[in-house]
Amino acid sequence: MNSKARVMDAIRRVEVDADALEIDLDVTGGVTIGSDRNSNRPFKLDSKNNTYNLGLQFDGPLNRLIERNVYRESQVAYQQASRDFLARKDSIANEVRQVLRRLELNRLNFQIARQQVVSASRLVDQAQIDLRQSTEANSNLTIVLLGALEGMLNAKNDLIGNWVAYRVQKLRLFEALELLYLDENGRWINEDTGIEMLAN
């Protein structure tokens, strides 16, 4: 919106500078009110002694070098503001597309990580059952159980990491669309209502 406002300001500047290139024709006039010269009273006015003048002042387009240069500078500034606006608009659209791709990727990764947690918890359950039912003293079932517990911990960490990455990308999407509203404590207050605004 700020870039768009700069473009509008540049258009107005071009219009103002274009007006300065036009021909100026000024009509001037004046009246000097005269008093009666033969009277001793200075405030006795006599319309016969009034002086009238009328004039025209013409300023043609032949000597407008400075105005022409200013006009060209404003045209260049307008073109630059337009390019900056389009570049900013393209940048925001590209950023939104990238964030949407990352959101979808994080959503899929979260689903995969959730399935990995379920699978890892089943491995832990199976390793615990095997360890309880084992009668051999030299069994490697304790190592298997420790490996399963480590796998479950890694799966939970991956799940949390994917959830955090998803939330970060969602925040970036709202920021790119200028829909991120925070309260005085810096907490995000329109996560659900912002989705409704996006839908409308």
Protein backbone atom coordinates (compact mmCIF):
# COMPACT_ATOMS: atom_id res chain seq x y z
CA MET A 1 0.00 0.00 0.00
CA ASN A 2 2.88 2.37 0.72
CA SER A 3 4.40 1.62 -2.70
CA LYS A 4 1.02 2.23 -4.34
CA ALA A 5 0.70 5.55 -2.49
CA ARG A 6 4.15 6.58 -3.76
CA VAL A 7 2.99 5.86 -7.33
CA MET A 8 -0.09 8.04 -6.83
CA ASP A 9 2.06 10.84 -5.42
CA ALA A 10 4.36 10.58 -8.44
CA ILE A 11 1.38 10.81 -10.83
CA ARG A 12 0.18 13.96 -9.08
CA ARG A 13 3.70 15.43 -9.29
CA VAL A 14 3.78 14.75 -13.05
CA GLU A 15 0.42 16.51 -13.46
CA VAL A 16 1.59 19.53 -11.47
CA ASP A 17 4.83 19.77 -13.44
CA ALA A 18 2.92 19.38 -16.73
CA ASP A 19 0.77 22.36 -15.74
CA ALA A 20 3.91 24.42 -15.28
CA LEU A 21 4.74 23.89 -18.98
CA GLU A 22 1.51 25.50 -20.19
CA ILE A 23 1.25 29.08 -21.51
CA ASP A 24 0.63 31.74 -18.89
CA LEU A 25 -1.59 34.69 -19.75
CA ASP A 26 -2.20 37.09 -16.90
CA VAL A 27 -4.53 40.06 -17.08
CA THR A 28 -3.56 42.90 -14.75
CA GLY A 29 -5.53 45.96 -13.91
CA GLY A 30 -5.55 48.80 -11.45
CA VAL A 31 -7.28 51.99 -10.45
CA THR A 32 -5.72 55.01 -8.76
CA ILE A 33 -8.42 57.11 -7.12
CA GLY A 34 -7.73 60.80 -7.42
CA SER A 35 -8.89 63.68 -5.30
CA ASP A 36 -9.96 67.21 -6.35
CA ARG A 37 -6.75 69.20 -6.79
CA ASN A 38 -8.44 72.55 -6.41
CA SER A 39 -9.96 71.68 -3.04
CA ASN A 40 -8.31 72.14 0.36
CA ARG A 41 -9.87 68.91 1.57
CA PRO A 42 -7.62 65.94 0.72
CA PHE A 43 -10.39 63.36 1.03
CA LYS A 44 -12.70 65.02 -1.48
CA LEU A 45 -12.60 62.46 -4.29
CA ASP A 46 -13.10 63.37 -7.90
CA SER A 47 -13.69 60.62 -10.44
CA LYS A 48 -12.28 62.83 -13.20
CA ASN A 49 -8.81 62.50 -11.62
CA ASN A 50 -8.91 58.70 -11.40
CA THR A 51 -6.23 56.79 -13.31
CA TYR A 52 -7.01 53.41 -14.85
CA ASN A 53 -4.54 50.88 -16.22
CA LEU A 54 -5.02 47.50 -17.85
CA GLY A 55 -2.33 45.12 -19.01
CA LEU A 56 -1.60 41.64 -20.31
CA GLN A 57 1.34 39.53 -19.30
CA PHE A 58 2.13 36.65 -21.66
CA ASP A 59 4.62 33.90 -20.86
CA GLY A 60 5.09 31.63 -23.88
CA PRO A 61 6.48 28.09 -23.98
CA LEU A 62 9.76 29.14 -25.58
CA ASN A 63 11.70 29.71 -22.37
CA ARG A 64 10.61 26.70 -20.28
CA LEU A 65 13.90 24.81 -20.02
CA ILE A 66 13.82 24.56 -16.23
CA GLU A 67 10.16 23.54 -16.18
CA ARG A 68 10.78 20.99 -18.93
CA ASN A 69 13.66 19.44 -16.97
CA VAL A 70 11.55 19.29 -13.82
CA TYR A 71 8.74 17.65 -15.80
CA ARG A 72 11.11 15.02 -17.19
CA GLU A 73 12.50 14.34 -13.71
CA SER A 74 8.98 13.82 -12.40
CA GLN A 75 8.24 11.44 -15.28
CA VAL A 76 11.38 9.45 -14.43
CA ALA A 77 10.39 9.42 -10.75
CA TYR A 78 6.92 8.16 -11.72
CA GLN A 79 8.38 5.36 -13.84
CA GLN A 80 10.72 4.40 -11.01
CA ALA A 81 7.88 4.40 -8.47
CA SER A 82 5.79 2.25 -10.83
CA ARG A 83 8.62 -0.24 -11.27
CA ASP A 84 9.22 -0.34 -7.51
CA PHE A 85 5.50 -0.96 -6.92
CA LEU A 86 5.38 -3.80 -9.47
CA ALA A 87 8.58 -5.31 -8.08
CA ARG A 88 7.18 -5.14 -4.54
CA LYS A 89 3.90 -6.66 -5.68
CA ASP A 90 5.72 -9.50 -7.48
CA SER A 91 7.96 -10.01 -4.46
CA ILE A 92 4.97 -10.34 -2.13
CA ALA A 93 3.18 -12.71 -4.54
CA ASN A 94 6.33 -14.83 -4.82
CA GLU A 95 6.75 -14.84 -1.05
CA VAL A 96 3.14 -15.92 -0.55
CA ARG A 97 3.56 -18.74 -3.10
CA GLN A 98 6.72 -19.95 -1.35
CA VAL A 99 5.09 -19.79 2.07
CA LEU A 100 2.06 -21.74 0.81
CA ARG A 101 4.38 -24.41 -0.61
CA ARG A 102 6.25 -24.64 2.69
CA LEU A 103 2.97 -24.80 4.61
CA GLU A 104 1.82 -27.75 2.52
CA LEU A 105 5.21 -29.44 2.90
CA ASN A 106 5.17 -28.90 6.68
CA ARG A 107 1.61 -30.25 6.87
CA LEU A 108 2.63 -33.42 5.03
CA ASN A 109 5.80 -33.76 7.13
CA PHE A 110 3.71 -33.40 10.28
CA GLN A 111 1.42 -36.24 9.18
CA ILE A 112 4.45 -38.41 8.42
CA ALA A 113 6.04 -37.54 11.79
CA ARG A 114 2.80 -38.42 13.58
CA GLN A 115 2.76 -41.83 11.92
CA GLN A 116 6.42 -42.28 12.91
CA VAL A 117 5.54 -41.56 16.56
CA VAL A 118 2.78 -44.19 16.41
CA SER A 119 5.18 -46.68 14.82
CA ALA A 120 7.94 -45.90 17.33
CA SER A 121 5.55 -46.33 20.28
CA ARG A 122 4.52 -49.75 18.91
CA LEU A 123 8.19 -50.72 18.67
CA VAL A 124 8.70 -49.67 22.29
CA ASP A 125 5.65 -51.69 23.38
CA GLN A 126 6.88 -54.74 21.49
CA ALA A 127 10.41 -54.41 22.90
CA GLN A 128 9.00 -54.18 26.45
CA ILE A 129 6.84 -57.29 25.91
CA ASP A 130 9.79 -59.21 24.46
CA LEU A 131 12.02 -58.18 27.39
CA ARG A 132 9.43 -59.30 29.97
CA GLN A 133 8.85 -62.62 28.28
CA SER A 134 12.52 -63.40 27.73
CA THR A 135 14.17 -66.04 29.87
CA GLU A 136 17.66 -65.76 28.42
CA ALA A 137 20.27 -63.90 30.49
CA ASN A 138 22.48 -62.94 27.50
CA SER A 139 19.64 -61.43 25.48
CA ASN A 140 20.11 -58.20 23.53
CA LEU A 141 16.52 -57.23 24.25
CA THR A 142 17.58 -54.41 26.60
CA ILE A 143 19.60 -52.82 23.79
CA VAL A 144 16.61 -53.25 21.47
CA LEU A 145 14.37 -51.52 24.03
CA LEU A 146 16.82 -48.64 24.47
CA GLY A 147 17.03 -48.25 20.70
CA ALA A 148 13.22 -48.22 20.45
CA LEU A 149 12.98 -45.60 23.21
CA GLU A 150 15.57 -43.44 21.43
CA GLY A 151 13.66 -43.84 18.17
CA MET A 152 10.45 -42.74 19.87
CA LEU A 153 12.20 -39.70 21.34
CA ASN A 154 13.54 -38.76 17.90
CA ALA A 155 10.08 -39.23 16.36
CA LYS A 156 8.50 -36.96 19.00
CA ASN A 157 11.19 -34.33 18.43
CA ASP A 158 10.54 -34.48 14.68
CA LEU A 159 6.81 -34.12 15.30
CA ILE A 160 7.30 -31.03 17.46
CA GLY A 161 9.82 -29.57 15.00
CA ASN A 162 7.35 -29.98 12.11
CA TRP A 163 4.56 -28.40 14.16
CA VAL A 164 6.77 -25.40 15.02
CA ALA A 165 7.86 -25.03 11.38
CA TYR A 166 4.20 -25.09 10.29
CA ARG A 167 3.29 -22.37 12.79
CA VAL A 168 6.22 -20.21 11.67
CA GLN A 169 5.19 -20.50 8.02
CA LYS A 170 1.60 -19.66 8.93
CA LEU A 171 2.82 -16.52 10.72
CA ARG A 172 4.88 -15.60 7.65
CA LEU A 173 1.84 -16.02 5.42
CA PHE A 174 -0.25 -13.69 7.58
CA GLU A 175 2.64 -11.21 7.69
CA ALA A 176 3.06 -11.25 3.90
CA LEU A 177 -0.68 -10.66 3.44
CA GLU A 178 -0.60 -7.87 6.08
CA LEU A 179 -3.19 -9.72 8.19
CA LEU A 180 -1.00 -10.41 11.23
CA TYR A 181 -2.58 -8.68 14.23
CA LEU A 182 -0.89 -8.73 17.63
CA ASP A 183 -2.07 -7.57 21.02
CA GLU A 184 -0.09 -5.29 23.35
CA ASN A 185 1.86 -8.30 24.63
CA GLY A 186 2.90 -9.41 21.14
CA ARG A 187 0.54 -12.40 21.00
CA TRP A 188 -1.14 -13.38 17.76
CA ILE A 189 -4.84 -12.63 18.15
CA ASN A 190 -6.44 -13.35 14.75
CA GLU A 191 -5.24 -16.80 13.79
CA ASP A 192 -8.77 -18.15 13.32
CA THR A 193 -10.52 -14.96 12.19
CA GLY A 194 -7.65 -14.26 9.79
CA ILE A 195 -8.41 -17.50 7.97
CA GLU A 196 -11.99 -16.29 7.50
CA MET A 197 -10.65 -12.98 6.12
CA LEU A 198 -8.49 -14.92 3.66
CA ALA A 199 -11.51 -16.92 2.53
CA ASN A 200 -13.52 -13.74 1.90
